[in-house]
Amino acid sequence: MEQTKLTLALPKGRLFEETINLLLEASLIEEPLEEGRKLVLETEKFKILLAKPKDVPMLVESGYADLGVSGWDTLWESGCDVYKLLDLGLGFCRICVAGFPEKKAEYENLSYIKVATKYPNIAREFFEKKGIKPFIYEMNGSVELAPLIGLTDYIFDLVQTGRTLKENGLVVIDEAGTSTAHLIANKNSFLLYNGRIRDIVQKLEKVIKAPLS
């Protein structure tokens, strides 16, 4: 009897190609896959859903996907109740507070902060733990615009190379954490397909931990 394929949700964009390369290296898929207009792809072992990164945790939590690959920042922001199985080490970024250089000294003594971010939940948690009351402007596009037009003095965002900050005269002022892609699982699927999922994790671990030649 043919096994049911596991459904795997993958993020469209920068993490897709890196994840596909990792799956290939671990012999979990047979050939390279390209990100195109097709949103559902089939391989021998998986039914693959291509989704916006912020939708992956929801698809896994709700059971529409058994497994998913999601950046830690997206998982943290979503608050979804899923199993975090493995840090894949892909897509490293820092989650930072940034602003104009002259705002750096002022930041150390703030009791409240106006901040623009795509991550309102993470930002609120971070600032409240520091005893700073946050006034959050949620932006879905280029948050660097906020200080440039005087909407806020600070932004809270992912920083990869820092190039965008530099081009807009901004600097990193504080760091909330780091983010890499994680393999996540639906809790029911993990129980139902435990052996198969553990086998996937082991194959990925071997590749991740393999010494560089």
Protein backbone atom coordinates (compact mmCIF):
# COMPACT_ATOMS: atom_id res chain seq x y z
CA MET A 1 0.00 0.00 0.00
CA GLU A 2 1.38 3.40 -1.02
CA GLN A 3 2.28 5.76 1.82
CA THR A 4 0.45 9.07 2.13
CA LYS A 5 2.76 11.89 1.14
CA LEU A 6 3.67 14.34 3.88
CA THR A 7 2.64 17.92 3.14
CA LEU A 8 5.52 20.38 3.47
CA ALA A 9 4.96 24.16 3.51
CA LEU A 10 7.90 26.16 2.17
CA PRO A 11 8.33 29.94 2.19
CA LYS A 12 8.46 31.75 -1.12
CA GLY A 13 11.36 34.14 -1.56
CA ARG A 14 14.92 34.12 -0.26
CA LEU A 15 14.64 30.91 1.82
CA PHE A 16 13.08 28.77 -0.90
CA GLU A 17 16.20 28.05 -2.95
CA GLU A 18 18.37 27.45 0.13
CA THR A 19 15.80 25.02 1.54
CA ILE A 20 15.50 23.14 -1.77
CA ASN A 21 19.30 22.76 -1.92
CA LEU A 22 19.31 21.37 1.62
CA LEU A 23 16.53 18.88 0.80
CA LEU A 24 18.46 17.77 -2.29
CA GLU A 25 21.67 17.32 -0.31
CA ALA A 26 19.79 15.21 2.24
CA SER A 27 18.29 13.09 -0.59
CA LEU A 28 14.77 14.04 0.52
CA ILE A 29 13.83 15.26 -2.97
CA GLU A 30 15.01 13.84 -6.26
CA GLU A 31 15.59 16.95 -8.39
CA PRO A 32 15.78 20.73 -8.06
CA LEU A 33 12.49 22.61 -7.84
CA GLU A 34 11.95 26.14 -9.05
CA GLU A 35 9.77 28.81 -7.54
CA GLY A 36 7.25 29.80 -10.17
CA ARG A 37 3.54 30.50 -10.43
CA LYS A 38 2.62 26.96 -9.36
CA LEU A 39 1.79 26.91 -5.65
CA VAL A 40 1.53 23.13 -5.14
CA LEU A 41 4.42 20.89 -6.21
CA GLU A 42 4.70 17.10 -5.98
CA THR A 43 7.77 14.98 -5.29
CA GLU A 44 8.09 11.30 -4.45
CA LYS A 45 7.88 11.94 -0.69
CA PHE A 46 6.15 15.32 -0.38
CA LYS A 47 3.29 17.47 -1.45
CA ILE A 48 4.92 20.92 -1.27
CA LEU A 49 2.93 24.09 -0.65
CA LEU A 50 4.56 27.40 -1.62
CA ALA A 51 3.33 30.10 0.74
CA LYS A 52 4.20 33.58 1.92
CA PRO A 53 6.69 33.22 4.80
CA LYS A 54 4.25 34.62 7.39
CA ASP A 55 1.62 32.02 6.37
CA VAL A 56 3.81 28.93 6.91
CA PRO A 57 3.38 28.65 10.73
CA MET A 58 -0.42 28.98 10.40
CA LEU A 59 -0.57 26.25 7.72
CA VAL A 60 1.42 23.91 9.97
CA GLU A 61 -0.46 24.74 13.18
CA SER A 62 -3.83 24.22 11.47
CA GLY A 63 -2.78 20.86 10.01
CA TYR A 64 -2.97 21.86 6.34
CA ALA A 65 0.76 21.07 6.30
CA ASP A 66 2.47 18.35 8.34
CA LEU A 67 5.84 20.10 8.21
CA GLY A 68 7.11 23.55 7.34
CA VAL A 69 10.21 25.69 7.08
CA SER A 70 9.97 29.04 8.82
CA GLY A 71 12.32 31.77 9.94
CA TRP A 72 12.58 32.10 13.73
CA ASP A 73 11.41 35.72 13.46
CA THR A 74 8.19 34.63 11.72
CA LEU A 75 7.59 31.85 14.27
CA TRP A 76 8.19 34.19 17.19
CA GLU A 77 5.87 36.84 15.76
CA SER A 78 3.10 34.34 14.93
CA GLY A 79 2.97 32.67 18.35
CA CYS A 80 1.74 29.50 16.58
CA ASP A 81 1.66 26.28 18.58
CA VAL A 82 3.92 23.93 16.61
CA TYR A 83 6.89 21.69 17.33
CA LYS A 84 10.27 23.26 16.51
CA LEU A 85 12.24 20.24 15.31
CA LEU A 86 15.52 21.51 13.91
CA ASP A 87 17.47 24.71 13.33
CA LEU A 88 18.42 24.49 9.65
CA GLY A 89 20.97 27.29 9.92
CA LEU A 90 19.65 29.01 6.78
CA GLY A 91 18.85 32.68 6.24
CA PHE A 92 20.74 34.10 9.21
CA CYS A 93 19.55 37.57 10.22
CA ARG A 94 19.66 39.77 13.31
CA ILE A 95 16.50 41.28 14.80
CA CYS A 96 17.53 44.84 15.60
CA VAL A 97 16.52 48.28 16.75
CA ALA A 98 17.93 50.90 14.37
CA GLY A 99 17.85 54.66 14.00
CA PHE A 100 19.95 57.68 13.16
CA PRO A 101 23.40 57.66 14.87
CA GLU A 102 22.52 60.69 17.01
CA LYS A 103 19.62 58.74 18.57
CA LYS A 104 21.95 56.07 20.00
CA ALA A 105 22.74 57.85 23.30
CA GLU A 106 19.13 58.93 23.77
CA TYR A 107 17.95 55.30 23.39
CA GLU A 108 19.74 54.23 26.58
CA ASN A 109 17.45 56.43 28.74
CA LEU A 110 14.06 56.02 27.08
CA SER A 111 10.92 55.37 29.13
CA TYR A 112 8.79 55.15 25.98
CA ILE A 113 9.59 54.64 22.31
CA LYS A 114 7.88 55.27 18.97
CA VAL A 115 8.95 52.49 16.64
CA ALA A 116 8.01 51.23 13.17
CA THR A 117 8.09 47.49 12.55
CA LYS A 118 6.74 44.48 10.69
CA TYR A 119 6.97 42.60 14.00
CA PRO A 120 4.60 44.27 16.50
CA ASN A 121 4.38 41.27 18.84
CA ILE A 122 8.14 40.72 19.10
CA ALA A 123 8.77 44.46 19.44
CA ARG A 124 6.18 44.87 22.21
CA GLU A 125 7.60 41.91 24.15
CA PHE A 126 11.19 43.12 23.71
CA PHE A 127 10.62 46.71 24.82
CA GLU A 128 8.29 45.85 27.70
CA LYS A 129 10.95 43.50 29.09
CA LYS A 130 13.35 46.45 29.03
CA GLY A 131 10.81 48.62 30.89
CA ILE A 132 10.17 50.80 27.83
CA LYS A 133 6.57 51.56 26.82
CA PRO A 134 6.31 51.01 23.03
CA PHE A 135 4.10 52.99 20.65
CA ILE A 136 4.14 50.77 17.61
CA TYR A 137 3.48 51.72 13.98
CA GLU A 138 2.99 48.51 12.01
CA MET A 139 4.39 48.76 8.49
CA ASN A 140 4.46 46.00 5.88
CA GLY A 141 6.88 47.63 3.48
CA SER A 142 10.17 49.45 3.89
CA VAL A 143 10.22 50.36 7.58
CA GLU A 144 13.39 52.44 7.00
CA LEU A 145 11.08 55.12 5.62
CA ALA A 146 9.63 55.88 9.08
CA PRO A 147 12.65 57.78 10.52
CA LEU A 148 13.31 59.47 7.17
CA ILE A 149 9.89 61.17 7.23
CA GLY A 150 9.77 61.71 11.01
CA LEU A 151 7.05 59.14 11.73
CA THR A 152 9.30 57.47 14.33
CA ASP A 153 12.86 57.83 15.59
CA TYR A 154 13.47 54.08 15.60
CA ILE A 155 12.68 50.95 13.61
CA PHE A 156 12.61 47.31 14.73
CA ASP A 157 13.45 45.00 11.85
CA LEU A 158 15.56 42.19 10.42
CA VAL A 159 19.11 43.11 9.45
CA GLN A 160 21.03 40.82 7.12
CA THR A 161 23.91 42.79 5.57
CA GLY A 162 23.05 46.24 6.95
CA ARG A 163 23.30 47.72 3.47
CA THR A 164 19.75 49.15 3.42
CA LEU A 165 20.32 50.80 6.81
CA LYS A 166 23.59 52.33 5.64
CA GLU A 167 22.08 53.66 2.41
CA ASN A 168 19.43 55.45 4.48
CA GLY A 169 21.81 56.84 7.11
CA LEU A 170 20.67 54.45 9.86
CA VAL A 171 22.71 52.32 12.28
CA VAL A 172 21.99 49.34 14.54
CA ILE A 173 21.34 50.56 18.08
CA ASP A 174 20.25 47.38 19.88
CA GLU A 175 19.74 43.69 19.11
CA ALA A 176 16.73 41.62 20.17
CA GLY A 177 17.98 38.28 18.87
CA THR A 178 18.95 36.32 15.79
CA SER A 179 16.86 34.40 13.30
CA THR A 180 17.51 31.32 11.18
CA ALA A 181 15.12 28.95 9.41
CA HIS A 182 13.64 26.09 11.45
CA LEU A 183 11.90 22.87 10.50
CA ILE A 184 8.54 22.82 12.27
CA ALA A 185 5.82 20.18 12.61
CA ASN A 186 2.13 20.02 13.30
CA LYS A 187 1.69 18.38 16.72
CA ASN A 188 -0.80 15.75 15.54
CA SER A 189 1.24 14.94 12.43
CA PHE A 190 4.34 14.48 14.59
CA LEU A 191 2.54 11.75 16.55
CA LEU A 192 0.91 10.17 13.51
CA TYR A 193 4.03 10.10 11.30
CA ASN A 194 6.64 10.05 14.04
CA GLY A 195 9.00 7.54 12.43
CA ARG A 196 8.98 9.24 9.04
CA ILE A 197 9.43 12.71 10.50
CA ARG A 198 12.30 11.59 12.72
CA ASP A 199 13.95 10.05 9.66
CA ILE A 200 13.66 13.39 7.83
CA VAL A 201 15.18 15.22 10.81
CA GLN A 202 18.08 12.75 11.01
CA LYS A 203 18.86 13.10 7.28
CA LEU A 204 18.84 16.88 7.53
CA GLU A 205 20.99 16.81 10.67
CA LYS A 206 23.63 14.73 8.88
CA VAL A 207 23.91 17.32 6.12
CA ILE A 208 23.89 20.31 8.51
CA LYS A 209 26.55 18.77 10.75
CA ALA A 210 28.73 17.38 7.94
CA PRO A 211 32.24 18.95 7.94
CA LEU A 212 33.00 21.33 5.10
CA SER A 213 35.30 19.72 2.51
